[in-house]
Amino acid sequence: MPVIRISDELFSRLEAYAVGFDTPSAVIERLLNEHENKINNTTTSKPVSTVKTENQPNSATYGQQMTTSFKNEITKIHDEIFQFLLNYKKQYPDFYFMPRQKGERLENGYWFPGDENYLVIGFYTGADTFNKTPNITFQIYLSDFYLKTLKRKQVPTSVIQLSNTPESSGWLSKKPVMEKIIEKLGGFEVNRTTNGIEARWNRYYDSKDYLKCLEEFLTKDKPVIDDIIKKAENSEIRLLDKKKSEDKINKINQRRMSS
């Protein structure tokens, strides 16, 4: 298999397009497919009449309105989830979560990592360094863009996602932690294998109500994961640093209040 080397800057740009636990190869392949599809659609499409009736909206304006409306809906979901977690934190002061830390999407009100198709909430340290993503996350799919490959149609779909890819930092030491979470919670499905070894697992929630799913995670599933992590005393997968979490939360809350 050919090996290519890219700059850190280009790798960061690729990482911005990663979904869940995409590998760099998967990101490149998806971007190429999207680019080729655009070319094919352009070359095979029939000319569109430029005649416009009185009530027919300009296509460019209409597309812009649809995009703006869709983005507004996504930022509304981000804000709703952020407020939900703030309210939960008021009841449980020792509760911490990690929102988005930087980037252009933060400026646009995307308080959590992700894009128009999904968002990710982190509650623990630890990363799958092979994929440049966290080991443990709570995710919400906002469209069916990636659900098609998972053979699922319900949107939004909430899921606990675990990732521990062979070759990533601390893979062997984290393996018992992943196995214990899978055993204790149950219901996980293997989402990816690497060289025949299980590397990613999803545990889906039944409800379409993402706030209800998040509440179930916080009250039933997270305490189980917390207990496993505390007992494991793994040097990489741990509960969040309180100061770092609060700093990020407070900065976003100030941004919300001033907008």
C-alpha atoms as a PDB file:
ATOM      1  CA  MET A   1       0.000   0.000   0.000  1.00  0.00           C
ATOM      2  CA  PRO A   2       1.495   3.400  -0.983  1.00  0.00           C
ATOM      3  CA  VAL A   3       2.455   5.757   1.861  1.00  0.00           C
ATOM      4  CA  ILE A   4       2.125   9.529   1.488  1.00  0.00           C
ATOM      5  CA  ARG A   5       3.443  12.289   3.729  1.00  0.00           C
ATOM      6  CA  ILE A   6       1.524  15.501   4.277  1.00  0.00           C
ATOM      7  CA  SER A   7       2.171  18.667   6.273  1.00  0.00           C
ATOM      8  CA  ASP A   8       0.702  19.194   9.740  1.00  0.00           C
ATOM      9  CA  GLU A   9      -1.395  22.035   8.313  1.00  0.00           C
ATOM     10  CA  LEU A  10      -2.920  19.809   5.632  1.00  0.00           C
ATOM     11  CA  PHE A  11      -3.538  17.052   8.164  1.00  0.00           C
ATOM     12  CA  SER A  12      -5.430  19.538  10.352  1.00  0.00           C
ATOM     13  CA  ARG A  13      -7.564  20.514   7.357  1.00  0.00           C
ATOM     14  CA  LEU A  14      -8.373  16.850   6.694  1.00  0.00           C
ATOM     15  CA  GLU A  15      -9.176  16.324  10.359  1.00  0.00           C
ATOM     16  CA  ALA A  16     -11.844  19.033  10.158  1.00  0.00           C
ATOM     17  CA  TYR A  17     -13.753  16.814   7.688  1.00  0.00           C
ATOM     18  CA  ALA A  18     -13.441  13.636   9.770  1.00  0.00           C
ATOM     19  CA  VAL A  19     -16.662  12.064  11.000  1.00  0.00           C
ATOM     20  CA  GLY A  20     -16.724  10.064  14.195  1.00  0.00           C
ATOM     21  CA  PHE A  21     -13.567   7.974  13.926  1.00  0.00           C
ATOM     22  CA  ASP A  22     -12.709   8.343  10.249  1.00  0.00           C
ATOM     23  CA  THR A  23      -9.182   7.458   9.186  1.00  0.00           C
ATOM     24  CA  PRO A  24      -7.308   9.998   7.005  1.00  0.00           C
ATOM     25  CA  SER A  25      -7.716   7.568   4.104  1.00  0.00           C
ATOM     26  CA  ALA A  26     -11.499   7.464   4.585  1.00  0.00           C
ATOM     27  CA  VAL A  27     -11.692  11.272   4.663  1.00  0.00           C
ATOM     28  CA  ILE A  28      -9.692  11.604   1.439  1.00  0.00           C
ATOM     29  CA  GLU A  29     -11.810   8.951  -0.270  1.00  0.00           C
ATOM     30  CA  ARG A  30     -15.063  10.663   0.727  1.00  0.00           C
ATOM     31  CA  LEU A  31     -13.858  14.076  -0.459  1.00  0.00           C
ATOM     32  CA  LEU A  32     -12.777  12.602  -3.789  1.00  0.00           C
ATOM     33  CA  ASN A  33     -16.137  10.873  -4.214  1.00  0.00           C
ATOM     34  CA  GLU A  34     -17.995  14.119  -3.495  1.00  0.00           C
ATOM     35  CA  HIS A  35     -15.784  16.017  -5.946  1.00  0.00           C
ATOM     36  CA  GLU A  36     -16.253  13.418  -8.692  1.00  0.00           C
ATOM     37  CA  ASN A  37     -20.021  13.372  -8.143  1.00  0.00           C
ATOM     38  CA  LYS A  38     -20.148  17.153  -8.556  1.00  0.00           C
ATOM     39  CA  ILE A  39     -18.222  16.913 -11.817  1.00  0.00           C
ATOM     40  CA  ASN A  40     -20.499  14.157 -13.105  1.00  0.00           C
ATOM     41  CA  ASN A  41     -23.628  16.096 -12.173  1.00  0.00           C
ATOM     42  CA  THR A  42     -22.306  19.200 -13.928  1.00  0.00           C
ATOM     43  CA  THR A  43     -21.402  17.423 -17.150  1.00  0.00           C
ATOM     44  CA  THR A  44     -24.550  15.299 -17.417  1.00  0.00           C
ATOM     45  CA  SER A  45     -27.204  17.768 -16.270  1.00  0.00           C
ATOM     46  CA  LYS A  46     -29.484  19.417 -18.825  1.00  0.00           C
ATOM     47  CA  PRO A  47     -29.530  23.209 -19.239  1.00  0.00           C
ATOM     48  CA  VAL A  48     -32.015  24.894 -16.954  1.00  0.00           C
ATOM     49  CA  SER A  49     -34.282  27.563 -18.363  1.00  0.00           C
ATOM     50  CA  THR A  50     -33.448  31.053 -17.133  1.00  0.00           C
ATOM     51  CA  VAL A  51     -37.059  32.182 -17.600  1.00  0.00           C
ATOM     52  CA  LYS A  52     -38.491  32.990 -14.186  1.00  0.00           C
ATOM     53  CA  THR A  53     -42.149  33.415 -13.339  1.00  0.00           C
ATOM     54  CA  GLU A  54     -43.254  36.136 -10.981  1.00  0.00           C
ATOM     55  CA  ASN A  55     -43.578  33.750  -8.007  1.00  0.00           C
ATOM     56  CA  GLN A  56     -40.550  31.597  -8.755  1.00  0.00           C
ATOM     57  CA  PRO A  57     -37.608  32.338  -6.396  1.00  0.00           C
ATOM     58  CA  ASN A  58     -34.135  32.846  -7.758  1.00  0.00           C
ATOM     59  CA  SER A  59     -32.388  29.450  -7.398  1.00  0.00           C
ATOM     60  CA  ALA A  60     -29.274  30.927  -5.809  1.00  0.00           C
ATOM     61  CA  THR A  61     -31.327  32.937  -3.322  1.00  0.00           C
ATOM     62  CA  TYR A  62     -33.537  29.941  -2.535  1.00  0.00           C
ATOM     63  CA  GLY A  63     -30.514  27.698  -1.964  1.00  0.00           C
ATOM     64  CA  GLN A  64     -28.971  30.292   0.322  1.00  0.00           C
ATOM     65  CA  GLN A  65     -32.195  30.574   2.315  1.00  0.00           C
ATOM     66  CA  MET A  66     -32.381  26.802   2.688  1.00  0.00           C
ATOM     67  CA  THR A  67     -28.749  26.615   3.810  1.00  0.00           C
ATOM     68  CA  THR A  68     -29.207  29.415   6.322  1.00  0.00           C
ATOM     69  CA  SER A  69     -32.380  27.835   7.657  1.00  0.00           C
ATOM     70  CA  PHE A  70     -30.683  24.453   8.025  1.00  0.00           C
ATOM     71  CA  LYS A  71     -27.679  25.941   9.818  1.00  0.00           C
ATOM     72  CA  ASN A  72     -29.966  27.870  12.141  1.00  0.00           C
ATOM     73  CA  GLU A  73     -31.664  24.606  13.060  1.00  0.00           C
ATOM     74  CA  ILE A  74     -28.298  22.971  13.794  1.00  0.00           C
ATOM     75  CA  THR A  75     -27.116  25.849  15.996  1.00  0.00           C
ATOM     76  CA  LYS A  76     -30.456  25.685  17.808  1.00  0.00           C
ATOM     77  CA  ILE A  77     -29.800  22.023  18.624  1.00  0.00           C
ATOM     78  CA  HIS A  78     -26.272  22.821  19.834  1.00  0.00           C
ATOM     79  CA  ASP A  79     -27.611  25.577  22.071  1.00  0.00           C
ATOM     80  CA  GLU A  80     -30.424  23.407  23.397  1.00  0.00           C
ATOM     81  CA  ILE A  81     -27.979  20.640  24.342  1.00  0.00           C
ATOM     82  CA  PHE A  82     -25.522  23.089  25.880  1.00  0.00           C
ATOM     83  CA  GLN A  83     -28.264  24.584  28.064  1.00  0.00           C
ATOM     84  CA  PHE A  84     -29.480  21.112  29.016  1.00  0.00           C
ATOM     85  CA  LEU A  85     -25.975  20.198  30.211  1.00  0.00           C
ATOM     86  CA  LEU A  86     -25.654  23.488  32.100  1.00  0.00           C
ATOM     87  CA  ASN A  87     -28.918  22.778  33.914  1.00  0.00           C
ATOM     88  CA  TYR A  88     -27.707  19.288  34.741  1.00  0.00           C
ATOM     89  CA  LYS A  89     -24.475  20.740  36.093  1.00  0.00           C
ATOM     90  CA  LYS A  90     -26.422  23.024  38.418  1.00  0.00           C
ATOM     91  CA  GLN A  91     -27.938  19.930  40.020  1.00  0.00           C
ATOM     92  CA  TYR A  92     -24.619  18.068  40.077  1.00  0.00           C
ATOM     93  CA  PRO A  93     -21.739  20.575  40.510  1.00  0.00           C
ATOM     94  CA  ASP A  94     -19.083  17.869  40.059  1.00  0.00           C
ATOM     95  CA  PHE A  95     -20.407  17.064  36.588  1.00  0.00           C
ATOM     96  CA  TYR A  96     -18.197  18.143  33.679  1.00  0.00           C
ATOM     97  CA  PHE A  97     -18.327  17.973  29.907  1.00  0.00           C
ATOM     98  CA  MET A  98     -16.052  19.174  27.112  1.00  0.00           C
ATOM     99  CA  PRO A  99     -17.515  21.391  24.367  1.00  0.00           C
ATOM    100  CA  ARG A 100     -15.720  22.516  21.205  1.00  0.00           C
ATOM    101  CA  GLN A 101     -12.452  24.242  22.037  1.00  0.00           C
ATOM    102  CA  LYS A 102     -11.643  26.274  18.916  1.00  0.00           C
ATOM    103  CA  GLY A 103     -12.260  26.719  15.206  1.00  0.00           C
ATOM    104  CA  GLU A 104     -14.503  28.580  12.783  1.00  0.00           C
ATOM    105  CA  ARG A 105     -17.557  26.481  13.651  1.00  0.00           C
ATOM    106  CA  LEU A 106     -17.295  27.668  17.251  1.00  0.00           C
ATOM    107  CA  GLU A 107     -17.676  31.229  15.963  1.00  0.00           C
ATOM    108  CA  ASN A 108     -20.860  30.097  14.188  1.00  0.00           C
ATOM    109  CA  GLY A 109     -22.512  28.638  17.281  1.00  0.00           C
ATOM    110  CA  TYR A 110     -21.520  24.998  16.900  1.00  0.00           C
ATOM    111  CA  TRP A 111     -20.748  24.509  20.581  1.00  0.00           C
ATOM    112  CA  PHE A 112     -19.696  20.877  20.173  1.00  0.00           C
ATOM    113  CA  PRO A 113     -17.342  19.121  17.731  1.00  0.00           C
ATOM    114  CA  GLY A 114     -18.960  17.896  14.530  1.00  0.00           C
ATOM    115  CA  ASP A 115     -20.640  19.444  11.494  1.00  0.00           C
ATOM    116  CA  GLU A 116     -24.106  19.663   9.903  1.00  0.00           C
ATOM    117  CA  ASN A 117     -24.463  15.875  10.057  1.00  0.00           C
ATOM    118  CA  TYR A 118     -23.462  15.026  13.619  1.00  0.00           C
ATOM    119  CA  LEU A 119     -22.202  16.406  16.920  1.00  0.00           C
ATOM    120  CA  VAL A 120     -19.975  14.918  19.616  1.00  0.00           C
ATOM    121  CA  ILE A 121     -20.001  15.460  23.387  1.00  0.00           C
ATOM    122  CA  GLY A 122     -16.931  14.447  25.386  1.00  0.00           C
ATOM    123  CA  PHE A 123     -16.953  13.488  29.061  1.00  0.00           C
ATOM    124  CA  TYR A 124     -13.539  11.845  29.395  1.00  0.00           C
ATOM    125  CA  THR A 125      -9.904  12.269  28.439  1.00  0.00           C
ATOM    126  CA  GLY A 126      -8.208   9.739  26.181  1.00  0.00           C
ATOM    127  CA  ALA A 127      -7.820   9.661  22.426  1.00  0.00           C
ATOM    128  CA  ASP A 128      -7.627   7.104  19.676  1.00  0.00           C
ATOM    129  CA  THR A 129      -4.427   8.629  18.307  1.00  0.00           C
ATOM    130  CA  PHE A 130      -4.624   6.571  15.113  1.00  0.00           C
ATOM    131  CA  ASN A 131      -7.871   8.332  14.179  1.00  0.00           C
ATOM    132  CA  LYS A 132      -7.237  11.579  16.095  1.00  0.00           C
ATOM    133  CA  THR A 133     -10.539  11.205  17.961  1.00  0.00           C
ATOM    134  CA  PRO A 134     -11.659  10.577  21.572  1.00  0.00           C
ATOM    135  CA  ASN A 135     -11.876   7.046  22.963  1.00  0.00           C
ATOM    136  CA  ILE A 136     -15.346   7.576  24.467  1.00  0.00           C
ATOM    137  CA  THR A 137     -18.053   9.954  23.229  1.00  0.00           C
ATOM    138  CA  PHE A 138     -21.789  10.539  23.165  1.00  0.00           C
ATOM    139  CA  GLN A 139     -22.819  11.366  19.601  1.00  0.00           C
ATOM    140  CA  ILE A 140     -25.965  12.608  17.920  1.00  0.00           C
ATOM    141  CA  TYR A 141     -26.467  12.108  14.177  1.00  0.00           C
ATOM    142  CA  LEU A 142     -28.346  15.109  12.807  1.00  0.00           C
ATOM    143  CA  SER A 143     -28.926  13.730   9.303  1.00  0.00           C
ATOM    144  CA  ASP A 144     -28.934  10.384   7.516  1.00  0.00           C
ATOM    145  CA  PHE A 145     -25.708  11.240   5.661  1.00  0.00           C
ATOM    146  CA  TYR A 146     -23.682   8.617   7.535  1.00  0.00           C
ATOM    147  CA  LEU A 147     -26.548   6.505   8.818  1.00  0.00           C
ATOM    148  CA  LYS A 148     -27.044   4.987   5.376  1.00  0.00           C
ATOM    149  CA  THR A 149     -23.809   3.035   5.687  1.00  0.00           C
ATOM    150  CA  LEU A 150     -24.886   1.927   9.164  1.00  0.00           C
ATOM    151  CA  LYS A 151     -28.229   0.759   7.731  1.00  0.00           C
ATOM    152  CA  ARG A 152     -30.144   3.039  10.080  1.00  0.00           C
ATOM    153  CA  LYS A 153     -32.740   5.641   9.142  1.00  0.00           C
ATOM    154  CA  GLN A 154     -33.907   7.309  12.353  1.00  0.00           C
ATOM    155  CA  VAL A 155     -32.727  10.904  12.673  1.00  0.00           C
ATOM    156  CA  PRO A 156     -31.631  12.161  15.137  1.00  0.00           C
ATOM    157  CA  THR A 157     -29.949   8.978  16.341  1.00  0.00           C
ATOM    158  CA  SER A 158     -28.063   9.063  19.645  1.00  0.00           C
ATOM    159  CA  VAL A 159     -25.180   6.696  20.298  1.00  0.00           C
ATOM    160  CA  ILE A 160     -22.356   5.926  22.701  1.00  0.00           C
ATOM    161  CA  GLN A 161     -19.257   5.410  20.580  1.00  0.00           C
ATOM    162  CA  LEU A 162     -16.064   3.709  21.752  1.00  0.00           C
ATOM    163  CA  SER A 163     -12.899   3.708  19.693  1.00  0.00           C
ATOM    164  CA  ASN A 164      -9.565   1.993  20.353  1.00  0.00           C
ATOM    165  CA  THR A 165      -7.672   1.216  17.160  1.00  0.00           C
ATOM    166  CA  PRO A 166      -4.609  -1.047  17.120  1.00  0.00           C
ATOM    167  CA  GLU A 167      -1.458   1.046  16.615  1.00  0.00           C
ATOM    168  CA  SER A 168      -2.967   3.957  18.571  1.00  0.00           C
ATOM    169  CA  SER A 169      -1.227   5.168  21.725  1.00  0.00           C
ATOM    170  CA  GLY A 170      -1.955   2.999  24.766  1.00  0.00           C
ATOM    171  CA  TRP A 171      -4.128   0.619  22.759  1.00  0.00           C
ATOM    172  CA  LEU A 172      -3.328  -2.458  24.854  1.00  0.00           C
ATOM    173  CA  SER A 173      -3.683  -0.681  28.197  1.00  0.00           C
ATOM    174  CA  LYS A 174      -7.051   0.776  27.145  1.00  0.00           C
ATOM    175  CA  LYS A 175      -8.359  -2.517  25.796  1.00  0.00           C
ATOM    176  CA  PRO A 176      -9.582  -3.858  29.199  1.00  0.00           C
ATOM    177  CA  VAL A 177     -11.404  -0.562  29.835  1.00  0.00           C
ATOM    178  CA  MET A 178     -13.270  -0.810  26.523  1.00  0.00           C
ATOM    179  CA  GLU A 179     -14.085  -4.477  27.127  1.00  0.00           C
ATOM    180  CA  LYS A 180     -15.451  -3.727  30.606  1.00  0.00           C
ATOM    181  CA  ILE A 181     -17.702  -0.931  29.349  1.00  0.00           C
ATOM    182  CA  ILE A 182     -19.025  -3.171  26.566  1.00  0.00           C
ATOM    183  CA  GLU A 183     -19.643  -5.996  29.052  1.00  0.00           C
ATOM    184  CA  LYS A 184     -21.338  -3.864  31.727  1.00  0.00           C
ATOM    185  CA  LEU A 185     -23.596  -1.759  29.498  1.00  0.00           C
ATOM    186  CA  GLY A 186     -24.274  -4.350  26.791  1.00  0.00           C
ATOM    187  CA  GLY A 187     -25.909  -3.643  23.443  1.00  0.00           C
ATOM    188  CA  PHE A 188     -22.766  -2.534  21.595  1.00  0.00           C
ATOM    189  CA  GLU A 189     -22.358  -3.297  17.903  1.00  0.00           C
ATOM    190  CA  VAL A 190     -18.973  -3.561  16.202  1.00  0.00           C
ATOM    191  CA  ASN A 191     -18.729  -0.595  13.843  1.00  0.00           C
ATOM    192  CA  ARG A 192     -15.189  -1.051  12.537  1.00  0.00           C
ATOM    193  CA  THR A 193     -12.392  -3.603  12.508  1.00  0.00           C
ATOM    194  CA  THR A 194      -8.720  -3.010  11.737  1.00  0.00           C
ATOM    195  CA  ASN A 195      -6.654  -5.940  10.481  1.00  0.00           C
ATOM    196  CA  GLY A 196      -9.360  -8.259  11.751  1.00  0.00           C
ATOM    197  CA  ILE A 197      -9.361  -6.692  15.241  1.00  0.00           C
ATOM    198  CA  GLU A 198     -12.400  -4.852  16.632  1.00  0.00           C
ATOM    199  CA  ALA A 199     -11.626  -1.131  16.793  1.00  0.00           C
ATOM    200  CA  ARG A 200     -14.929   0.783  17.123  1.00  0.00           C
ATOM    201  CA  TRP A 201     -18.255   0.026  18.806  1.00  0.00           C
ATOM    202  CA  ASN A 202     -21.650   1.793  18.789  1.00  0.00           C
ATOM    203  CA  ARG A 203     -24.458   1.512  21.300  1.00  0.00           C
ATOM    204  CA  TYR A 204     -27.654   3.089  19.960  1.00  0.00           C
ATOM    205  CA  TYR A 205     -30.586   4.582  21.830  1.00  0.00           C
ATOM    206  CA  ASP A 206     -34.137   3.793  20.774  1.00  0.00           C
ATOM    207  CA  SER A 207     -35.728   7.217  21.161  1.00  0.00           C
ATOM    208  CA  LYS A 208     -35.630   9.923  18.503  1.00  0.00           C
ATOM    209  CA  ASP A 209     -35.673  12.510  21.309  1.00  0.00           C
ATOM    210  CA  TYR A 210     -31.965  13.330  21.696  1.00  0.00           C
ATOM    211  CA  LEU A 211     -32.469  15.135  25.021  1.00  0.00           C
ATOM    212  CA  LYS A 212     -34.230  12.096  26.414  1.00  0.00           C
ATOM    213  CA  CYS A 213     -31.351   9.907  25.189  1.00  0.00           C
ATOM    214  CA  LEU A 214     -28.783  12.265  26.680  1.00  0.00           C
ATOM    215  CA  GLU A 215     -30.618  12.216  30.017  1.00  0.00           C
ATOM    216  CA  GLU A 216     -30.644   8.401  29.939  1.00  0.00           C
ATOM    217  CA  PHE A 217     -26.926   8.401  29.238  1.00  0.00           C
ATOM    218  CA  LEU A 218     -26.198  10.819  32.093  1.00  0.00           C
ATOM    219  CA  THR A 219     -28.375   9.102  34.693  1.00  0.00           C
ATOM    220  CA  LYS A 220     -27.909   5.422  33.799  1.00  0.00           C
ATOM    221  CA  ASP A 221     -24.933   4.798  31.553  1.00  0.00           C
ATOM    222  CA  LYS A 222     -22.373   7.454  32.456  1.00  0.00           C
ATOM    223  CA  PRO A 223     -22.234   6.440  36.157  1.00  0.00           C
ATOM    224  CA  VAL A 224     -21.343   2.896  35.051  1.00  0.00           C
ATOM    225  CA  ILE A 225     -18.590   4.189  32.744  1.00  0.00           C
ATOM    226  CA  ASP A 226     -17.327   6.568  35.458  1.00  0.00           C
ATOM    227  CA  ASP A 227     -17.026   3.710  37.929  1.00  0.00           C
ATOM    228  CA  ILE A 228     -15.144   1.527  35.441  1.00  0.00           C
ATOM    229  CA  ILE A 229     -12.712   4.328  34.622  1.00  0.00           C
ATOM    230  CA  LYS A 230     -12.054   5.163  38.267  1.00  0.00           C
ATOM    231  CA  LYS A 231     -11.321   1.539  39.124  1.00  0.00           C
ATOM    232  CA  ALA A 232      -9.171   0.970  36.036  1.00  0.00           C
ATOM    233  CA  GLU A 233      -6.838   3.850  36.935  1.00  0.00           C
ATOM    234  CA  ASN A 234      -5.705   4.040  33.325  1.00  0.00           C
ATOM    235  CA  SER A 235      -3.227   6.881  32.800  1.00  0.00           C
ATOM    236  CA  GLU A 236      -4.922   8.082  29.591  1.00  0.00           C
ATOM    237  CA  ILE A 237      -8.671   7.470  29.980  1.00  0.00           C
ATOM    238  CA  ARG A 238      -9.761   9.529  32.945  1.00  0.00           C
ATOM    239  CA  LEU A 239     -12.492  11.920  34.079  1.00  0.00           C
ATOM    240  CA  LEU A 240     -12.128  15.435  32.690  1.00  0.00           C
ATOM    241  CA  ASP A 241      -9.927  18.057  34.262  1.00  0.00           C
ATOM    242  CA  LYS A 242     -12.339  20.300  36.158  1.00  0.00           C
ATOM    243  CA  LYS A 243     -10.566  23.597  35.484  1.00  0.00           C
ATOM    244  CA  LYS A 244     -10.116  23.000  31.764  1.00  0.00           C
ATOM    245  CA  SER A 245     -13.734  21.930  31.373  1.00  0.00           C
ATOM    246  CA  GLU A 246     -15.095  24.911  33.299  1.00  0.00           C
ATOM    247  CA  ASP A 247     -12.907  27.352  31.363  1.00  0.00           C
ATOM    248  CA  LYS A 248     -14.283  26.105  28.031  1.00  0.00           C
ATOM    249  CA  ILE A 249     -17.859  26.018  29.319  1.00  0.00           C
ATOM    250  CA  ASN A 250     -17.644  29.552  30.727  1.00  0.00           C
ATOM    251  CA  LYS A 251     -16.149  30.980  27.525  1.00  0.00           C
ATOM    252  CA  ILE A 252     -18.947  29.527  25.429  1.00  0.00           C
ATOM    253  CA  ASN A 253     -21.586  30.663  27.904  1.00  0.00           C
ATOM    254  CA  GLN A 254     -20.213  34.219  27.751  1.00  0.00           C
ATOM    255  CA  ARG A 255     -20.352  34.015  23.970  1.00  0.00           C
ATOM    256  CA  ARG A 256     -23.977  32.871  24.158  1.00  0.00           C
ATOM    257  CA  MET A 257     -24.963  35.653  26.517  1.00  0.00           C
ATOM    258  CA  SER A 258     -23.368  38.361  24.371  1.00  0.00           C
ATOM    259  CA  SER A 259     -24.917  37.222  21.094  1.00  0.00           C
END
